[in-house]
All heavy atoms as atom14 arrays in JSON, in Angstrom:
{
  "sequence": "VSRALMAEIRRITAEETYERQVLFVRNLGFCEPTSARRISFQESLVF",
  "atom14_mask": [
    [1, 1, 1, 1, 1, 1, 1, 0, 0, 0, 0, 0, 0, 0],
    [1, 1, 1, 1, 1, 1, 0, 0, 0, 0, 0, 0, 0, 0],
    [1, 1, 1, 1, 1, 1, 1, 1, 1, 1, 1, 0, 0, 0],
    [1, 1, 1, 1, 1, 0, 0, 0, 0, 0, 0, 0, 0, 0],
    [1, 1, 1, 1, 1, 1, 1, 1, 0, 0, 0, 0, 0, 0],
    [1, 1, 1, 1, 1, 1, 1, 1, 0, 0, 0, 0, 0, 0],
    [1, 1, 1, 1, 1, 0, 0, 0, 0, 0, 0, 0, 0, 0],
    [1, 1, 1, 1, 1, 1, 1, 1, 1, 0, 0, 0, 0, 0],
    [1, 1, 1, 1, 1, 1, 1, 1, 0, 0, 0, 0, 0, 0],
    [1, 1, 1, 1, 1, 1, 1, 1, 1, 1, 1, 0, 0, 0],
    [1, 1, 1, 1, 1, 1, 1, 1, 1, 1, 1, 0, 0, 0],
    [1, 1, 1, 1, 1, 1, 1, 1, 0, 0, 0, 0, 0, 0],
    [1, 1, 1, 1, 1, 1, 1, 0, 0, 0, 0, 0, 0, 0],
    [1, 1, 1, 1, 1, 0, 0, 0, 0, 0, 0, 0, 0, 0],
    [1, 1, 1, 1, 1, 1, 1, 1, 1, 0, 0, 0, 0, 0],
    [1, 1, 1, 1, 1, 1, 1, 1, 1, 0, 0, 0, 0, 0],
    [1, 1, 1, 1, 1, 1, 1, 0, 0, 0, 0, 0, 0, 0],
    [1, 1, 1, 1, 1, 1, 1, 1, 1, 1, 1, 1, 0, 0],
    [1, 1, 1, 1, 1, 1, 1, 1, 1, 0, 0, 0, 0, 0],
    [1, 1, 1, 1, 1, 1, 1, 1, 1, 1, 1, 0, 0, 0],
    [1, 1, 1, 1, 1, 1, 1, 1, 1, 0, 0, 0, 0, 0],
    [1, 1, 1, 1, 1, 1, 1, 0, 0, 0, 0, 0, 0, 0],
    [1, 1, 1, 1, 1, 1, 1, 1, 0, 0, 0, 0, 0, 0],
    [1, 1, 1, 1, 1, 1, 1, 1, 1, 1, 1, 0, 0, 0],
    [1, 1, 1, 1, 1, 1, 1, 0, 0, 0, 0, 0, 0, 0],
    [1, 1, 1, 1, 1, 1, 1, 1, 1, 1, 1, 0, 0, 0],
    [1, 1, 1, 1, 1, 1, 1, 1, 0, 0, 0, 0, 0, 0],
    [1, 1, 1, 1, 1, 1, 1, 1, 0, 0, 0, 0, 0, 0],
    [1, 1, 1, 1, 0, 0, 0, 0, 0, 0, 0, 0, 0, 0],
    [1, 1, 1, 1, 1, 1, 1, 1, 1, 1, 1, 0, 0, 0],
    [1, 1, 1, 1, 1, 1, 0, 0, 0, 0, 0, 0, 0, 0],
    [1, 1, 1, 1, 1, 1, 1, 1, 1, 0, 0, 0, 0, 0],
    [1, 1, 1, 1, 1, 1, 1, 0, 0, 0, 0, 0, 0, 0],
    [1, 1, 1, 1, 1, 1, 1, 0, 0, 0, 0, 0, 0, 0],
    [1, 1, 1, 1, 1, 1, 0, 0, 0, 0, 0, 0, 0, 0],
    [1, 1, 1, 1, 1, 0, 0, 0, 0, 0, 0, 0, 0, 0],
    [1, 1, 1, 1, 1, 1, 1, 1, 1, 1, 1, 0, 0, 0],
    [1, 1, 1, 1, 1, 1, 1, 1, 1, 1, 1, 0, 0, 0],
    [1, 1, 1, 1, 1, 1, 1, 1, 0, 0, 0, 0, 0, 0],
    [1, 1, 1, 1, 1, 1, 0, 0, 0, 0, 0, 0, 0, 0],
    [1, 1, 1, 1, 1, 1, 1, 1, 1, 1, 1, 0, 0, 0],
    [1, 1, 1, 1, 1, 1, 1, 1, 1, 0, 0, 0, 0, 0],
    [1, 1, 1, 1, 1, 1, 1, 1, 1, 0, 0, 0, 0, 0],
    [1, 1, 1, 1, 1, 1, 0, 0, 0, 0, 0, 0, 0, 0],
    [1, 1, 1, 1, 1, 1, 1, 1, 0, 0, 0, 0, 0, 0],
    [1, 1, 1, 1, 1, 1, 1, 0, 0, 0, 0, 0, 0, 0],
    [1, 1, 1, 1, 1, 1, 1, 1, 1, 1, 1, 0, 0, 0]
  ],
  "atom14_positions": [
    [[0.88, -1.14, -0.03], [-0.01, -0.03, 0.0], [0.89, 1.28, 0.0], [1.86, 1.32, 0.87], [-0.89, 0.0, 1.22], [-1.77, 1.22, 1.25], [-1.8, -1.27, 1.25], [0.0, 0.0, 0.0], [0.0, 0.0, 0.0], [0.0, 0.0, 0.0], [0.0, 0.0, 0.0], [0.0, 0.0, 0.0], [0.0, 0.0, 0.0], [0.0, 0.0, 0.0]],
    [[0.7, 2.15, -0.96], [1.62, 3.28, -1.16], [1.43, 4.23, 0.07], [0.3, 4.29, 0.65], [1.36, 3.97, -2.42], [0.08, 4.59, -2.49], [0.0, 0.0, 0.0], [0.0, 0.0, 0.0], [0.0, 0.0, 0.0], [0.0, 0.0, 0.0], [0.0, 0.0, 0.0], [0.0, 0.0, 0.0], [0.0, 0.0, 0.0], [0.0, 0.0, 0.0]],
    [[2.34, 5.09, 0.25], [2.23, 6.17, 1.26], [1.08, 7.06, 0.92], [0.38, 7.6, 1.8], [3.54, 6.88, 1.41], [4.64, 6.16, 2.05], [5.88, 7.02, 2.23], [6.94, 6.17, 2.68], [8.18, 6.55, 2.67], [8.45, 7.84, 2.29], [9.19, 5.84, 3.04], [0.0, 0.0, 0.0], [0.0, 0.0, 0.0], [0.0, 0.0, 0.0]],
    [[0.98, 7.42, -0.43], [-0.06, 8.3, -0.82], [-1.47, 7.74, -0.52], [-2.39, 8.44, -0.13], [0.15, 8.62, -2.3], [0.0, 0.0, 0.0], [0.0, 0.0, 0.0], [0.0, 0.0, 0.0], [0.0, 0.0, 0.0], [0.0, 0.0, 0.0], [0.0, 0.0, 0.0], [0.0, 0.0, 0.0], [0.0, 0.0, 0.0], [0.0, 0.0, 0.0]],
    [[-1.61, 6.47, -0.86], [-2.9, 5.8, -0.56], [-3.2, 5.83, 0.96], [-4.31, 6.16, 1.43], [-2.96, 4.44, -1.11], [-4.3, 3.65, -0.8], [-5.5, 4.36, -1.38], [-4.14, 2.22, -1.39], [0.0, 0.0, 0.0], [0.0, 0.0, 0.0], [0.0, 0.0, 0.0], [0.0, 0.0, 0.0], [0.0, 0.0, 0.0], [0.0, 0.0, 0.0]],
    [[-2.28, 5.46, 1.82], [-2.4, 5.39, 3.18], [-2.75, 6.81, 3.76], [-3.6, 6.99, 4.63], [-1.2, 4.84, 3.95], [-1.09, 3.34, 3.75], [-2.63, 2.47, 4.33], [-2.79, 2.95, 6.01], [0.0, 0.0, 0.0], [0.0, 0.0, 0.0], [0.0, 0.0, 0.0], [0.0, 0.0, 0.0], [0.0, 0.0, 0.0], [0.0, 0.0, 0.0]],
    [[-2.14, 7.86, 3.16], [-2.35, 9.25, 3.67], [-3.83, 9.66, 3.25], [-4.53, 10.3, 4.06], [-1.4, 10.18, 2.94], [0.0, 0.0, 0.0], [0.0, 0.0, 0.0], [0.0, 0.0, 0.0], [0.0, 0.0, 0.0], [0.0, 0.0, 0.0], [0.0, 0.0, 0.0], [0.0, 0.0, 0.0], [0.0, 0.0, 0.0], [0.0, 0.0, 0.0]],
    [[-4.2, 9.26, 2.12], [-5.63, 9.53, 1.64], [-6.65, 8.79, 2.55], [-7.67, 9.39, 2.88], [-5.8, 9.23, 0.19], [-7.13, 9.6, -0.4], [-7.48, 11.09, -0.24], [-6.61, 11.9, 0.03], [-8.64, 11.39, -0.6], [0.0, 0.0, 0.0], [0.0, 0.0, 0.0], [0.0, 0.0, 0.0], [0.0, 0.0, 0.0], [0.0, 0.0, 0.0]],
    [[-6.35, 7.57, 2.75], [-7.36, 6.77, 3.69], [-7.36, 7.45, 5.06], [-8.45, 7.64, 5.62], [-6.8, 5.3, 3.81], [-7.06, 4.64, 2.51], [-7.51, 4.58, 4.97], [-6.44, 3.2, 2.45], [0.0, 0.0, 0.0], [0.0, 0.0, 0.0], [0.0, 0.0, 0.0], [0.0, 0.0, 0.0], [0.0, 0.0, 0.0], [0.0, 0.0, 0.0]],
    [[-6.26, 7.86, 5.62], [-6.21, 8.51, 6.91], [-7.06, 9.86, 6.77], [-7.83, 10.21, 7.71], [-4.86, 8.79, 7.39], [-4.12, 7.62, 7.89], [-2.75, 7.97, 8.61], [-1.92, 6.83, 8.62], [-0.94, 6.57, 7.71], [-0.69, 7.46, 6.75], [-0.2, 5.56, 7.74], [0.0, 0.0, 0.0], [0.0, 0.0, 0.0], [0.0, 0.0, 0.0]],
    [[-6.94, 10.63, 5.76], [-7.59, 11.87, 5.59], [-9.06, 11.66, 5.45], [-9.8, 12.32, 6.16], [-7.1, 12.64, 4.32], [-7.71, 13.97, 4.15], [-7.46, 14.57, 2.74], [-8.1, 13.9, 1.69], [-9.45, 14.1, 1.37], [-10.17, 14.86, 2.09], [-9.97, 13.38, 0.39], [0.0, 0.0, 0.0], [0.0, 0.0, 0.0], [0.0, 0.0, 0.0]],
    [[-9.5, 10.77, 4.59], [-10.94, 10.61, 4.42], [-11.57, 9.98, 5.71], [-12.75, 10.24, 5.95], [-11.34, 9.82, 3.16], [-10.84, 8.38, 3.24], [-10.89, 10.56, 1.93], [-11.4, 7.54, 2.12], [0.0, 0.0, 0.0], [0.0, 0.0, 0.0], [0.0, 0.0, 0.0], [0.0, 0.0, 0.0], [0.0, 0.0, 0.0], [0.0, 0.0, 0.0]],
    [[-10.8, 9.19, 6.37], [-11.34, 8.63, 7.68], [-11.43, 9.74, 8.76], [-12.47, 9.8, 9.34], [-10.34, 7.5, 8.12], [-10.34, 6.45, 7.14], [-10.96, 6.86, 9.43], [0.0, 0.0, 0.0], [0.0, 0.0, 0.0], [0.0, 0.0, 0.0], [0.0, 0.0, 0.0], [0.0, 0.0, 0.0], [0.0, 0.0, 0.0], [0.0, 0.0, 0.0]],
    [[-10.49, 10.52, 8.83], [-10.51, 11.68, 9.84], [-11.55, 12.67, 9.49], [-12.34, 13.13, 10.39], [-9.14, 12.35, 9.88], [0.0, 0.0, 0.0], [0.0, 0.0, 0.0], [0.0, 0.0, 0.0], [0.0, 0.0, 0.0], [0.0, 0.0, 0.0], [0.0, 0.0, 0.0], [0.0, 0.0, 0.0], [0.0, 0.0, 0.0], [0.0, 0.0, 0.0]],
    [[-11.74, 12.95, 8.21], [-12.68, 14.02, 7.79], [-14.17, 13.39, 7.49], [-15.05, 14.18, 7.31], [-12.25, 14.69, 6.54], [-10.93, 15.48, 6.79], [-10.35, 16.09, 5.54], [-10.99, 16.14, 4.5], [-9.23, 16.61, 5.6], [0.0, 0.0, 0.0], [0.0, 0.0, 0.0], [0.0, 0.0, 0.0], [0.0, 0.0, 0.0], [0.0, 0.0, 0.0]],
    [[-14.15, 12.11, 7.56], [-15.45, 11.44, 7.27], [-16.11, 11.98, 5.97], [-17.26, 12.34, 5.88], [-16.38, 11.51, 8.37], [-15.88, 10.83, 9.68], [-16.84, 10.81, 10.84], [-17.99, 11.41, 10.74], [-16.54, 10.31, 11.85], [0.0, 0.0, 0.0], [0.0, 0.0, 0.0], [0.0, 0.0, 0.0], [0.0, 0.0, 0.0], [0.0, 0.0, 0.0]],
    [[-15.25, 11.9, 4.86], [-15.73, 12.47, 3.57], [-16.33, 11.37, 2.68], [-16.41, 11.56, 1.46], [-14.63, 13.14, 2.87], [-13.54, 12.19, 2.67], [-14.08, 14.3, 3.62], [0.0, 0.0, 0.0], [0.0, 0.0, 0.0], [0.0, 0.0, 0.0], [0.0, 0.0, 0.0], [0.0, 0.0, 0.0], [0.0, 0.0, 0.0], [0.0, 0.0, 0.0]],
    [[-16.67, 10.23, 3.2], [-17.24, 9.11, 2.45], [-18.51, 8.71, 2.98], [-18.86, 8.95, 4.14], [-16.23, 7.98, 2.36], [-15.78, 7.5, 3.73], [-16.52, 6.37, 4.35], [-14.76, 8.0, 4.41], [-16.18, 5.95, 5.64], [-14.38, 7.57, 5.69], [-15.15, 6.53, 6.23], [-14.83, 6.07, 7.49], [0.0, 0.0, 0.0], [0.0, 0.0, 0.0]],
    [[-19.27, 7.92, 2.27], [-20.51, 7.41, 2.8], [-20.32, 6.29, 3.77], [-19.34, 5.52, 3.64], [-21.36, 6.75, 1.55], [-21.82, 7.73, 0.53], [-22.94, 8.63, 1.15], [-23.65, 8.26, 2.09], [-22.96, 9.8, 0.74], [0.0, 0.0, 0.0], [0.0, 0.0, 0.0], [0.0, 0.0, 0.0], [0.0, 0.0, 0.0], [0.0, 0.0, 0.0]],
    [[-21.0, 6.31, 4.81], [-20.91, 5.33, 5.89], [-21.68, 4.09, 5.68], [-21.71, 3.18, 6.43], [-21.34, 5.92, 7.18], [-20.57, 7.2, 7.63], [-19.18, 7.01, 7.97], [-18.92, 6.16, 9.02], [-17.82, 5.67, 9.33], [-16.75, 5.98, 8.74], [-17.7, 4.87, 10.4], [0.0, 0.0, 0.0], [0.0, 0.0, 0.0], [0.0, 0.0, 0.0]],
    [[-22.32, 3.98, 4.45], [-23.16, 2.86, 4.1], [-22.9, 2.55, 2.69], [-22.87, 3.49, 1.83], [-24.66, 3.36, 4.39], [-25.64, 2.3, 4.0], [-27.07, 2.73, 4.37], [-27.36, 2.8, 5.54], [-27.79, 3.18, 3.37], [0.0, 0.0, 0.0], [0.0, 0.0, 0.0], [0.0, 0.0, 0.0], [0.0, 0.0, 0.0], [0.0, 0.0, 0.0]],
    [[-22.87, 1.28, 2.29], [-22.68, 0.9, 0.93], [-23.75, -0.19, 0.61], [-24.2, -0.88, 1.48], [-21.25, 0.28, 0.7], [-20.17, 1.33, 0.88], [-21.06, -0.93, 1.52], [0.0, 0.0, 0.0], [0.0, 0.0, 0.0], [0.0, 0.0, 0.0], [0.0, 0.0, 0.0], [0.0, 0.0, 0.0], [0.0, 0.0, 0.0], [0.0, 0.0, 0.0]],
    [[-24.04, -0.23, -0.63], [-24.9, -1.28, -1.16], [-24.14, -2.41, -1.53], [-23.07, -2.27, -2.22], [-25.76, -0.82, -2.36], [-26.7, 0.4, -2.18], [-27.24, 0.86, -3.49], [-27.68, 0.06, -1.17], [0.0, 0.0, 0.0], [0.0, 0.0, 0.0], [0.0, 0.0, 0.0], [0.0, 0.0, 0.0], [0.0, 0.0, 0.0], [0.0, 0.0, 0.0]],
    [[-24.35, -3.62, -1.07], [-23.61, -4.78, -1.35], [-24.46, -5.79, -2.07], [-25.34, -6.52, -1.51], [-23.11, -5.4, 0.0], [-21.95, -6.31, -0.22], [-20.65, -5.76, -0.25], [-22.06, -7.69, -0.23], [-19.49, -6.63, -0.4], [-21.03, -8.52, -0.4], [-19.76, -8.02, -0.48], [0.0, 0.0, 0.0], [0.0, 0.0, 0.0], [0.0, 0.0, 0.0]],
    [[-24.29, -5.78, -3.42], [-25.09, -6.7, -4.29], [-24.6, -8.06, -4.23], [-23.39, -8.3, -4.55], [-25.19, -6.06, -5.69], [-26.03, -6.94, -6.6], [-25.59, -4.66, -5.7], [0.0, 0.0, 0.0], [0.0, 0.0, 0.0], [0.0, 0.0, 0.0], [0.0, 0.0, 0.0], [0.0, 0.0, 0.0], [0.0, 0.0, 0.0], [0.0, 0.0, 0.0]],
    [[-25.43, -9.01, -3.78], [-24.96, -10.39, -3.67], [-24.86, -10.99, -4.98], [-25.48, -10.63, -5.96], [-25.95, -11.16, -2.82], [-26.02, -10.83, -1.41], [-24.71, -11.07, -0.75], [-24.63, -10.53, 0.61], [-23.54, -10.68, 1.34], [-22.5, -11.31, 0.95], [-23.57, -10.13, 2.56], [0.0, 0.0, 0.0], [0.0, 0.0, 0.0], [0.0, 0.0, 0.0]],
    [[-23.94, -12.08, -5.08], [-23.7, -12.69, -6.35], [-24.85, -13.46, -6.87], [-25.73, -13.87, -6.13], [-22.45, -13.54, -6.29], [-22.73, -14.87, -5.57], [-23.26, -15.77, -6.17], [-22.26, -15.11, -4.41], [0.0, 0.0, 0.0], [0.0, 0.0, 0.0], [0.0, 0.0, 0.0], [0.0, 0.0, 0.0], [0.0, 0.0, 0.0], [0.0, 0.0, 0.0]],
    [[-24.9, -13.67, -8.17], [-25.96, -14.36, -8.82], [-25.69, -15.84, -9.11], [-26.47, -16.52, -9.72], [-26.34, -13.67, -10.11], [-26.85, -12.25, -10.02], [-26.98, -11.53, -11.35], [-28.07, -12.16, -9.22], [0.0, 0.0, 0.0], [0.0, 0.0, 0.0], [0.0, 0.0, 0.0], [0.0, 0.0, 0.0], [0.0, 0.0, 0.0], [0.0, 0.0, 0.0]],
    [[-24.52, -16.26, -8.59], [-24.19, -17.65, -8.83], [-23.26, -17.94, -10.02], [-23.0, -18.99, -10.43], [0.0, 0.0, 0.0], [0.0, 0.0, 0.0], [0.0, 0.0, 0.0], [0.0, 0.0, 0.0], [0.0, 0.0, 0.0], [0.0, 0.0, 0.0], [0.0, 0.0, 0.0], [0.0, 0.0, 0.0], [0.0, 0.0, 0.0], [0.0, 0.0, 0.0]],
    [[-22.8, -16.76, -10.65], [-21.92, -16.85, -11.83], [-21.22, -15.53, -11.93], [-21.56, -14.59, -11.29], [-22.71, -17.15, -13.03], [-23.54, -16.04, -13.61], [-23.11, -15.06, -14.43], [-24.88, -16.07, -13.06], [-23.97, -14.09, -14.83], [-25.78, -14.93, -13.51], [-25.33, -14.03, -14.36], [0.0, 0.0, 0.0], [0.0, 0.0, 0.0], [0.0, 0.0, 0.0]],
    [[-20.12, -15.54, -12.67], [-19.34, -14.44, -12.98], [-18.95, -14.46, -14.47], [-18.23, -15.37, -14.78], [-18.17, -14.34, -12.08], [-17.13, -12.81, -12.28], [0.0, 0.0, 0.0], [0.0, 0.0, 0.0], [0.0, 0.0, 0.0], [0.0, 0.0, 0.0], [0.0, 0.0, 0.0], [0.0, 0.0, 0.0], [0.0, 0.0, 0.0], [0.0, 0.0, 0.0]],
    [[-19.46, -13.51, -15.21], [-19.21, -13.48, -16.65], [-17.88, -12.84, -16.9], [-17.76, -11.62, -16.74], [-20.33, -12.87, -17.38], [-20.29, -12.89, -18.86], [-20.61, -14.25, -19.47], [-21.4, -15.04, -18.83], [-19.98, -14.59, -20.5], [0.0, 0.0, 0.0], [0.0, 0.0, 0.0], [0.0, 0.0, 0.0], [0.0, 0.0, 0.0], [0.0, 0.0, 0.0]],
    [[-16.9, -13.6, -17.46], [-15.65, -12.91, -17.71], [-15.78, -11.91, -18.95], [-16.57, -12.21, -19.84], [-14.69, -14.07, -18.14], [-15.37, -15.31, -17.65], [-16.82, -14.97, -17.61], [0.0, 0.0, 0.0], [0.0, 0.0, 0.0], [0.0, 0.0, 0.0], [0.0, 0.0, 0.0], [0.0, 0.0, 0.0], [0.0, 0.0, 0.0], [0.0, 0.0, 0.0]],
    [[-15.14, -10.76, -18.87], [-15.04, -9.84, -19.92], [-13.55, -9.4, -20.06], [-12.75, -9.88, -19.33], [-15.92, -8.6, -19.65], [-15.3, -7.9, -18.5], [-17.39, -8.99, -19.32], [0.0, 0.0, 0.0], [0.0, 0.0, 0.0], [0.0, 0.0, 0.0], [0.0, 0.0, 0.0], [0.0, 0.0, 0.0], [0.0, 0.0, 0.0], [0.0, 0.0, 0.0]],
    [[-13.26, -8.49, -20.98], [-11.94, -7.98, -21.19], [-11.54, -7.22, -19.96], [-10.29, -7.11, -19.58], [-11.8, -7.12, -22.45], [-12.67, -6.06, -22.38], [0.0, 0.0, 0.0], [0.0, 0.0, 0.0], [0.0, 0.0, 0.0], [0.0, 0.0, 0.0], [0.0, 0.0, 0.0], [0.0, 0.0, 0.0], [0.0, 0.0, 0.0], [0.0, 0.0, 0.0]],
    [[-12.47, -6.53, -19.17], [-12.11, -5.89, -18.0], [-12.27, -6.71, -16.75], [-11.47, -6.5, -15.78], [-13.09, -4.68, -17.84], [0.0, 0.0, 0.0], [0.0, 0.0, 0.0], [0.0, 0.0, 0.0], [0.0, 0.0, 0.0], [0.0, 0.0, 0.0], [0.0, 0.0, 0.0], [0.0, 0.0, 0.0], [0.0, 0.0, 0.0], [0.0, 0.0, 0.0]],
    [[-13.15, -7.66, -16.73], [-13.31, -8.6, -15.6], [-12.67, -9.91, -15.85], [-13.19, -10.78, -16.44], [-14.84, -8.75, -15.29], [-15.07, -9.56, -14.03], [-16.52, -9.9, -13.83], [-17.41, -8.76, -13.95], [-18.44, -8.77, -14.89], [-18.55, -9.73, -15.81], [-19.19, -7.7, -15.06], [0.0, 0.0, 0.0], [0.0, 0.0, 0.0], [0.0, 0.0, 0.0]],
    [[-11.45, -10.04, -15.29], [-10.62, -11.26, -15.5], [-10.59, -12.03, -14.22], [-9.52, -12.36, -13.67], [-9.3, -10.86, -15.99], [-9.3, -10.06, -17.22], [-7.91, -9.69, -17.66], [-8.05, -8.61, -18.62], [-7.04, -7.75, -18.88], [-5.96, -7.81, -18.16], [-7.16, -6.86, -19.81], [0.0, 0.0, 0.0], [0.0, 0.0, 0.0], [0.0, 0.0, 0.0]],
    [[-11.79, -12.44, -13.72], [-11.76, -13.13, -12.42], [-12.74, -14.28, -12.56], [-13.82, -14.13, -13.23], [-12.21, -12.15, -11.3], [-12.07, -12.74, -9.92], [-13.64, -11.56, -11.55], [-12.34, -11.7, -8.79], [0.0, 0.0, 0.0], [0.0, 0.0, 0.0], [0.0, 0.0, 0.0], [0.0, 0.0, 0.0], [0.0, 0.0, 0.0], [0.0, 0.0, 0.0]],
    [[-12.39, -15.34, -11.98], [-13.27, -16.59, -11.96], [-14.4, -16.37, -10.97], [-14.36, -15.47, -10.12], [-12.5, -17.86, -11.65], [-12.2, -17.87, -10.31], [0.0, 0.0, 0.0], [0.0, 0.0, 0.0], [0.0, 0.0, 0.0], [0.0, 0.0, 0.0], [0.0, 0.0, 0.0], [0.0, 0.0, 0.0], [0.0, 0.0, 0.0], [0.0, 0.0, 0.0]],
    [[-15.46, -17.18, -11.09], [-16.56, -17.14, -10.09], [-15.97, -17.42, -8.71], [-16.35, -16.67, -7.72], [-17.63, -18.12, -10.47], [-18.67, -18.15, -9.38], [-19.47, -17.01, -9.17], [-18.89, -19.3, -8.67], [-20.5, -17.04, -8.23], [-19.94, -19.24, -7.7], [-20.72, -18.15, -7.48], [0.0, 0.0, 0.0], [0.0, 0.0, 0.0], [0.0, 0.0, 0.0]],
    [[-15.09, -18.4, -8.59], [-14.59, -18.73, -7.26], [-13.78, -17.51, -6.68], [-13.85, -17.15, -5.54], [-13.68, -19.97, -7.33], [-13.32, -20.46, -6.0], [-14.52, -20.88, -5.07], [-15.44, -21.39, -5.5], [-14.34, -20.54, -3.74], [0.0, 0.0, 0.0], [0.0, 0.0, 0.0], [0.0, 0.0, 0.0], [0.0, 0.0, 0.0], [0.0, 0.0, 0.0]],
    [[-12.98, -16.86, -7.54], [-12.24, -15.67, -7.07], [-13.18, -14.56, -6.71], [-12.86, -13.77, -5.79], [-11.28, -15.28, -8.21], [-10.09, -16.23, -8.46], [-9.34, -15.85, -9.74], [-10.0, -15.54, -10.73], [-8.14, -15.93, -9.77], [0.0, 0.0, 0.0], [0.0, 0.0, 0.0], [0.0, 0.0, 0.0], [0.0, 0.0, 0.0], [0.0, 0.0, 0.0]],
    [[-14.27, -14.46, -7.45], [-15.2, -13.36, -7.11], [-15.75, -13.62, -5.75], [-16.04, -12.55, -5.02], [-16.34, -13.33, -8.14], [-17.28, -14.33, -8.0], [0.0, 0.0, 0.0], [0.0, 0.0, 0.0], [0.0, 0.0, 0.0], [0.0, 0.0, 0.0], [0.0, 0.0, 0.0], [0.0, 0.0, 0.0], [0.0, 0.0, 0.0], [0.0, 0.0, 0.0]],
    [[-15.97, -14.83, -5.3], [-16.55, -15.08, -4.0], [-15.48, -14.67, -2.89], [-15.9, -14.05, -1.79], [-16.96, -16.56, -3.82], [-18.04, -17.07, -4.68], [-18.2, -18.55, -4.56], [-19.32, -16.29, -4.46], [0.0, 0.0, 0.0], [0.0, 0.0, 0.0], [0.0, 0.0, 0.0], [0.0, 0.0, 0.0], [0.0, 0.0, 0.0], [0.0, 0.0, 0.0]],
    [[-14.22, -15.01, -3.22], [-13.21, -14.55, -2.21], [-13.13, -13.09, -2.14], [-12.96, -12.5, -1.1], [-11.85, -15.26, -2.7], [-10.64, -14.73, -1.81], [-11.88, -16.76, -2.57], [0.0, 0.0, 0.0], [0.0, 0.0, 0.0], [0.0, 0.0, 0.0], [0.0, 0.0, 0.0], [0.0, 0.0, 0.0], [0.0, 0.0, 0.0], [0.0, 0.0, 0.0]],
    [[-13.16, -12.45, -3.29], [-13.03, -10.94, -3.39], [-14.25, -10.35, -2.7], [-14.09, -9.36, -1.93], [-13.06, -10.57, -4.81], [-12.62, -9.17, -5.09], [-11.46, -8.68, -4.49], [-13.32, -8.37, -5.83], [-11.05, -7.4, -4.76], [-12.93, -7.01, -6.17], [-11.71, -6.55, -5.53], [0.0, 0.0, 0.0], [0.0, 0.0, 0.0], [0.0, 0.0, 0.0]]
  ]
}
């Protein structure tokens, strides 16, 4: 993890500049590979 990323995480955490709630869409039982999505279904579950 780069110093710049850690600094940004500390900043947004301290300033609370992010949403405190996220939508977590559950998997549909498959993962369609694309040129951008190069992950298997099993890897998607781990992710």
